[in-house]
């Protein structure tokens, strides 16, 4: 008769991406702040764009000579802190935040930079999903995100099971 092999013994270590094992709460919080900060920056870029256009038109200057440099500077400087948070959340090198800000800024002169904003928000959101945050169409809100971060913070601070 064939002998049955003995059962395998498994080592107790986490396998795969178990909830609570990816990144830190501080990185998650930085990613969320950057994601929602881009919404405010986008509205600010539109406001600066419209204002710059009307100021140029009022003073009989070609409107784009005022509008485009203003939008470029506002978006580059405004996105740097947000991109720094994304870089921290994704463990990017420090120069990546500056490079991303320059790219988003130069993209801002085209249709208020909607593509650059969407790309950076998508990068942040894809990283947030790795933490286990449920997302969906119109279901990712700041309130739900803060509750998720609070739950994650409580889970990280509570003592784990006592090893035997």
C-alpha atoms as a PDB file:
ATOM      1  CA  UNK A   1       0.000   0.000   0.000  1.00  0.00           C
ATOM      2  CA  UNK A   2       1.229   3.499  -0.852  1.00  0.00           C
ATOM      3  CA  UNK A   3       2.277   5.519   2.104  1.00  0.00           C
ATOM      4  CA  UNK A   4       0.518   8.866   2.595  1.00  0.00           C
ATOM      5  CA  UNK A   5       2.991  11.752   2.877  1.00  0.00           C
ATOM      6  CA  UNK A   6       2.976  13.580   6.200  1.00  0.00           C
ATOM      7  CA  UNK A   7       1.103  16.899   6.327  1.00  0.00           C
ATOM      8  CA  UNK A   8       3.132  19.981   5.523  1.00  0.00           C
ATOM      9  CA  UNK A   9       3.935  22.390   8.303  1.00  0.00           C
ATOM     10  CA  UNK A  10       3.477  26.036   7.445  1.00  0.00           C
ATOM     11  CA  UNK A  11       5.453  28.915   8.815  1.00  0.00           C
ATOM     12  CA  UNK A  12       3.300  31.634  10.371  1.00  0.00           C
ATOM     13  CA  UNK A  13       4.233  34.660   8.317  1.00  0.00           C
ATOM     14  CA  UNK A  14       1.940  36.911   6.276  1.00  0.00           C
ATOM     15  CA  UNK A  15       1.471  35.841   2.703  1.00  0.00           C
ATOM     16  CA  UNK A  16       0.490  38.313   0.037  1.00  0.00           C
ATOM     17  CA  UNK A  17      -1.082  41.659   0.752  1.00  0.00           C
ATOM     18  CA  UNK A  18      -3.103  41.116   3.888  1.00  0.00           C
ATOM     19  CA  UNK A  19      -5.234  44.050   5.057  1.00  0.00           C
ATOM     20  CA  UNK A  20      -3.184  46.372   7.213  1.00  0.00           C
ATOM     21  CA  UNK A  21       0.180  45.122   5.946  1.00  0.00           C
ATOM     22  CA  UNK A  22       0.686  47.615   3.111  1.00  0.00           C
ATOM     23  CA  UNK A  23       2.414  50.915   3.854  1.00  0.00           C
ATOM     24  CA  UNK A  24       1.868  53.190   6.819  1.00  0.00           C
ATOM     25  CA  UNK A  25      -1.094  55.259   7.910  1.00  0.00           C
ATOM     26  CA  UNK A  26       0.954  58.424   7.355  1.00  0.00           C
ATOM     27  CA  UNK A  27       1.598  57.452   3.728  1.00  0.00           C
ATOM     28  CA  UNK A  28      -2.079  56.661   3.221  1.00  0.00           C
ATOM     29  CA  UNK A  29      -3.083  59.987   4.734  1.00  0.00           C
ATOM     30  CA  UNK A  30      -0.607  61.860   2.513  1.00  0.00           C
ATOM     31  CA  UNK A  31      -2.005  60.159  -0.592  1.00  0.00           C
ATOM     32  CA  UNK A  32      -5.563  61.104   0.378  1.00  0.00           C
ATOM     33  CA  UNK A  33      -4.628  64.718   1.063  1.00  0.00           C
ATOM     34  CA  UNK A  34      -2.971  64.915  -2.346  1.00  0.00           C
ATOM     35  CA  UNK A  35      -5.937  63.282  -4.089  1.00  0.00           C
ATOM     36  CA  UNK A  36      -8.488  65.686  -2.635  1.00  0.00           C
ATOM     37  CA  UNK A  37      -6.071  68.636  -2.859  1.00  0.00           C
ATOM     38  CA  UNK A  38      -5.955  68.239  -6.620  1.00  0.00           C
ATOM     39  CA  UNK A  39      -9.692  68.987  -6.759  1.00  0.00           C
ATOM     40  CA  UNK A  40      -9.098  72.372  -5.115  1.00  0.00           C
ATOM     41  CA  UNK A  41      -6.058  73.080  -7.280  1.00  0.00           C
ATOM     42  CA  UNK A  42      -8.058  72.332 -10.426  1.00  0.00           C
ATOM     43  CA  UNK A  43     -10.763  74.828  -9.429  1.00  0.00           C
ATOM     44  CA  UNK A  44      -8.041  77.354  -8.623  1.00  0.00           C
ATOM     45  CA  UNK A  45      -6.427  76.838 -12.027  1.00  0.00           C
ATOM     46  CA  UNK A  46      -9.741  77.478 -13.755  1.00  0.00           C
ATOM     47  CA  UNK A  47     -10.301  80.624 -11.681  1.00  0.00           C
ATOM     48  CA  UNK A  48      -6.807  81.949 -12.460  1.00  0.00           C
ATOM     49  CA  UNK A  49      -7.260  81.100 -16.132  1.00  0.00           C
ATOM     50  CA  UNK A  50     -10.551  82.952 -16.440  1.00  0.00           C
ATOM     51  CA  UNK A  51      -9.305  85.903 -14.399  1.00  0.00           C
ATOM     52  CA  UNK A  52      -6.092  86.157 -16.409  1.00  0.00           C
ATOM     53  CA  UNK A  53      -8.029  86.081 -19.645  1.00  0.00           C
ATOM     54  CA  UNK A  54     -10.355  88.916 -18.587  1.00  0.00           C
ATOM     55  CA  UNK A  55      -7.521  91.018 -17.138  1.00  0.00           C
ATOM     56  CA  UNK A  56      -5.627  90.735 -20.413  1.00  0.00           C
ATOM     57  CA  UNK A  57      -8.745  91.549 -22.378  1.00  0.00           C
ATOM     58  CA  UNK A  58      -9.528  94.556 -20.153  1.00  0.00           C
ATOM     59  CA  UNK A  59      -6.062  96.088 -20.557  1.00  0.00           C
ATOM     60  CA  UNK A  60      -6.053  95.418 -24.307  1.00  0.00           C
ATOM     61  CA  UNK A  61      -3.193  92.972 -24.050  1.00  0.00           C
ATOM     62  CA  UNK A  62      -3.307  89.680 -25.877  1.00  0.00           C
ATOM     63  CA  UNK A  63      -5.094  87.728 -23.090  1.00  0.00           C
ATOM     64  CA  UNK A  64      -2.899  84.664 -23.299  1.00  0.00           C
ATOM     65  CA  UNK A  65       0.209  86.685 -22.392  1.00  0.00           C
ATOM     66  CA  UNK A  66      -1.255  87.083 -18.917  1.00  0.00           C
ATOM     67  CA  UNK A  67      -3.369  83.963 -18.600  1.00  0.00           C
ATOM     68  CA  UNK A  68      -0.859  81.262 -19.520  1.00  0.00           C
ATOM     69  CA  UNK A  69       2.100  82.344 -17.354  1.00  0.00           C
ATOM     70  CA  UNK A  70      -0.210  82.864 -14.372  1.00  0.00           C
ATOM     71  CA  UNK A  71      -1.789  79.435 -14.723  1.00  0.00           C
ATOM     72  CA  UNK A  72       1.625  77.850 -15.260  1.00  0.00           C
ATOM     73  CA  UNK A  73       3.095  79.350 -12.088  1.00  0.00           C
ATOM     74  CA  UNK A  74       0.041  78.719  -9.921  1.00  0.00           C
ATOM     75  CA  UNK A  75      -0.161  75.068 -10.955  1.00  0.00           C
ATOM     76  CA  UNK A  76       3.581  74.380 -10.641  1.00  0.00           C
ATOM     77  CA  UNK A  77       3.809  75.882  -7.165  1.00  0.00           C
ATOM     78  CA  UNK A  78       0.400  74.602  -6.088  1.00  0.00           C
ATOM     79  CA  UNK A  79       1.023  71.052  -7.220  1.00  0.00           C
ATOM     80  CA  UNK A  80       4.486  70.741  -5.665  1.00  0.00           C
ATOM     81  CA  UNK A  81       3.191  70.124  -2.140  1.00  0.00           C
ATOM     82  CA  UNK A  82       0.583  67.692  -3.466  1.00  0.00           C
ATOM     83  CA  UNK A  83       3.140  65.840  -5.558  1.00  0.00           C
ATOM     84  CA  UNK A  84       5.475  65.718  -2.562  1.00  0.00           C
ATOM     85  CA  UNK A  85       2.733  63.904  -0.659  1.00  0.00           C
ATOM     86  CA  UNK A  86       2.223  61.468  -3.523  1.00  0.00           C
ATOM     87  CA  UNK A  87       5.989  60.914  -3.708  1.00  0.00           C
ATOM     88  CA  UNK A  88       6.057  60.193   0.042  1.00  0.00           C
ATOM     89  CA  UNK A  89       3.081  57.840  -0.228  1.00  0.00           C
ATOM     90  CA  UNK A  90       4.633  55.904  -3.115  1.00  0.00           C
ATOM     91  CA  UNK A  91       8.235  56.014  -1.814  1.00  0.00           C
ATOM     92  CA  UNK A  92       9.412  57.951  -4.862  1.00  0.00           C
ATOM     93  CA  UNK A  93      12.733  59.819  -4.839  1.00  0.00           C
ATOM     94  CA  UNK A  94      12.520  63.476  -3.846  1.00  0.00           C
ATOM     95  CA  UNK A  95      13.162  64.746  -7.379  1.00  0.00           C
ATOM     96  CA  UNK A  96      10.078  62.963  -8.680  1.00  0.00           C
ATOM     97  CA  UNK A  97       7.785  65.483  -6.991  1.00  0.00           C
ATOM     98  CA  UNK A  98       9.493  68.383  -8.742  1.00  0.00           C
ATOM     99  CA  UNK A  99       9.435  66.612 -12.101  1.00  0.00           C
ATOM    100  CA  UNK A 100       5.741  65.781 -11.713  1.00  0.00           C
ATOM    101  CA  UNK A 101       4.973  69.395 -10.760  1.00  0.00           C
ATOM    102  CA  UNK A 102       6.750  70.719 -13.828  1.00  0.00           C
ATOM    103  CA  UNK A 103       4.901  68.281 -16.080  1.00  0.00           C
ATOM    104  CA  UNK A 104       1.524  69.083 -14.533  1.00  0.00           C
ATOM    105  CA  UNK A 105       2.311  72.819 -14.756  1.00  0.00           C
ATOM    106  CA  UNK A 106       3.278  72.749 -18.408  1.00  0.00           C
ATOM    107  CA  UNK A 107       0.240  70.625 -19.130  1.00  0.00           C
ATOM    108  CA  UNK A 108      -1.884  73.223 -17.330  1.00  0.00           C
ATOM    109  CA  UNK A 109      -1.609  75.669 -20.202  1.00  0.00           C
ATOM    110  CA  UNK A 110      -3.608  73.199 -22.282  1.00  0.00           C
ATOM    111  CA  UNK A 111      -7.278  73.071 -21.249  1.00  0.00           C
ATOM    112  CA  UNK A 112      -6.444  74.002 -17.631  1.00  0.00           C
ATOM    113  CA  UNK A 113      -4.308  70.882 -17.260  1.00  0.00           C
ATOM    114  CA  UNK A 114      -7.164  68.450 -16.886  1.00  0.00           C
ATOM    115  CA  UNK A 115      -5.027  65.556 -18.151  1.00  0.00           C
ATOM    116  CA  UNK A 116      -2.199  66.232 -15.708  1.00  0.00           C
ATOM    117  CA  UNK A 117      -4.604  66.513 -12.790  1.00  0.00           C
ATOM    118  CA  UNK A 118      -6.367  63.284 -13.729  1.00  0.00           C
ATOM    119  CA  UNK A 119      -3.095  61.399 -14.142  1.00  0.00           C
ATOM    120  CA  UNK A 120      -1.806  62.452 -10.713  1.00  0.00           C
ATOM    121  CA  UNK A 121      -5.145  61.689  -9.043  1.00  0.00           C
ATOM    122  CA  UNK A 122      -5.175  58.282 -10.717  1.00  0.00           C
ATOM    123  CA  UNK A 123      -1.669  57.547  -9.441  1.00  0.00           C
ATOM    124  CA  UNK A 124      -2.726  58.498  -5.906  1.00  0.00           C
ATOM    125  CA  UNK A 125      -5.996  56.555  -6.087  1.00  0.00           C
ATOM    126  CA  UNK A 126      -4.336  53.394  -7.401  1.00  0.00           C
ATOM    127  CA  UNK A 127      -1.921  53.515  -4.475  1.00  0.00           C
ATOM    128  CA  UNK A 128      -4.792  54.116  -2.025  1.00  0.00           C
ATOM    129  CA  UNK A 129      -6.547  51.014  -3.384  1.00  0.00           C
ATOM    130  CA  UNK A 130      -3.538  48.916  -2.344  1.00  0.00           C
ATOM    131  CA  UNK A 131      -4.358  49.764   1.275  1.00  0.00           C
ATOM    132  CA  UNK A 132      -7.755  48.112   0.868  1.00  0.00           C
ATOM    133  CA  UNK A 133      -9.843  51.279   0.507  1.00  0.00           C
ATOM    134  CA  UNK A 134     -13.008  50.428  -1.422  1.00  0.00           C
ATOM    135  CA  UNK A 135     -13.494  52.787  -4.342  1.00  0.00           C
ATOM    136  CA  UNK A 136     -16.087  53.034  -7.046  1.00  0.00           C
ATOM    137  CA  UNK A 137     -17.967  55.507  -9.150  1.00  0.00           C
ATOM    138  CA  UNK A 138     -18.881  58.473  -6.914  1.00  0.00           C
ATOM    139  CA  UNK A 139     -18.243  56.397  -3.793  1.00  0.00           C
ATOM    140  CA  UNK A 140     -14.778  57.695  -2.866  1.00  0.00           C
ATOM    141  CA  UNK A 141     -15.453  60.703  -0.652  1.00  0.00           C
ATOM    142  CA  UNK A 142     -13.315  62.618   1.797  1.00  0.00           C
ATOM    143  CA  UNK A 143     -15.591  61.600   4.682  1.00  0.00           C
ATOM    144  CA  UNK A 144     -15.304  57.878   3.864  1.00  0.00           C
ATOM    145  CA  UNK A 145     -11.578  58.218   3.376  1.00  0.00           C
ATOM    146  CA  UNK A 146     -11.081  59.857   6.782  1.00  0.00           C
ATOM    147  CA  UNK A 147     -13.150  57.103   8.405  1.00  0.00           C
ATOM    148  CA  UNK A 148     -11.012  54.470   6.638  1.00  0.00           C
ATOM    149  CA  UNK A 149      -7.814  56.163   7.854  1.00  0.00           C
ATOM    150  CA  UNK A 150      -9.174  56.318  11.414  1.00  0.00           C
ATOM    151  CA  UNK A 151     -10.047  52.598  11.291  1.00  0.00           C
ATOM    152  CA  UNK A 152      -6.612  51.801   9.905  1.00  0.00           C
ATOM    153  CA  UNK A 153      -4.951  53.929  12.598  1.00  0.00           C
ATOM    154  CA  UNK A 154      -6.935  52.114  15.318  1.00  0.00           C
ATOM    155  CA  UNK A 155      -6.102  48.721  13.817  1.00  0.00           C
ATOM    156  CA  UNK A 156      -2.395  49.592  13.694  1.00  0.00           C
ATOM    157  CA  UNK A 157      -2.350  50.813  17.297  1.00  0.00           C
ATOM    158  CA  UNK A 158      -4.235  47.868  18.781  1.00  0.00           C
ATOM    159  CA  UNK A 159      -2.055  45.006  20.014  1.00  0.00           C
ATOM    160  CA  UNK A 160      -1.989  41.948  17.806  1.00  0.00           C
ATOM    161  CA  UNK A 161      -2.571  38.388  18.874  1.00  0.00           C
ATOM    162  CA  UNK A 162      -0.298  37.044  21.582  1.00  0.00           C
ATOM    163  CA  UNK A 163       2.153  34.590  20.050  1.00  0.00           C
ATOM    164  CA  UNK A 164       2.037  31.125  21.559  1.00  0.00           C
END
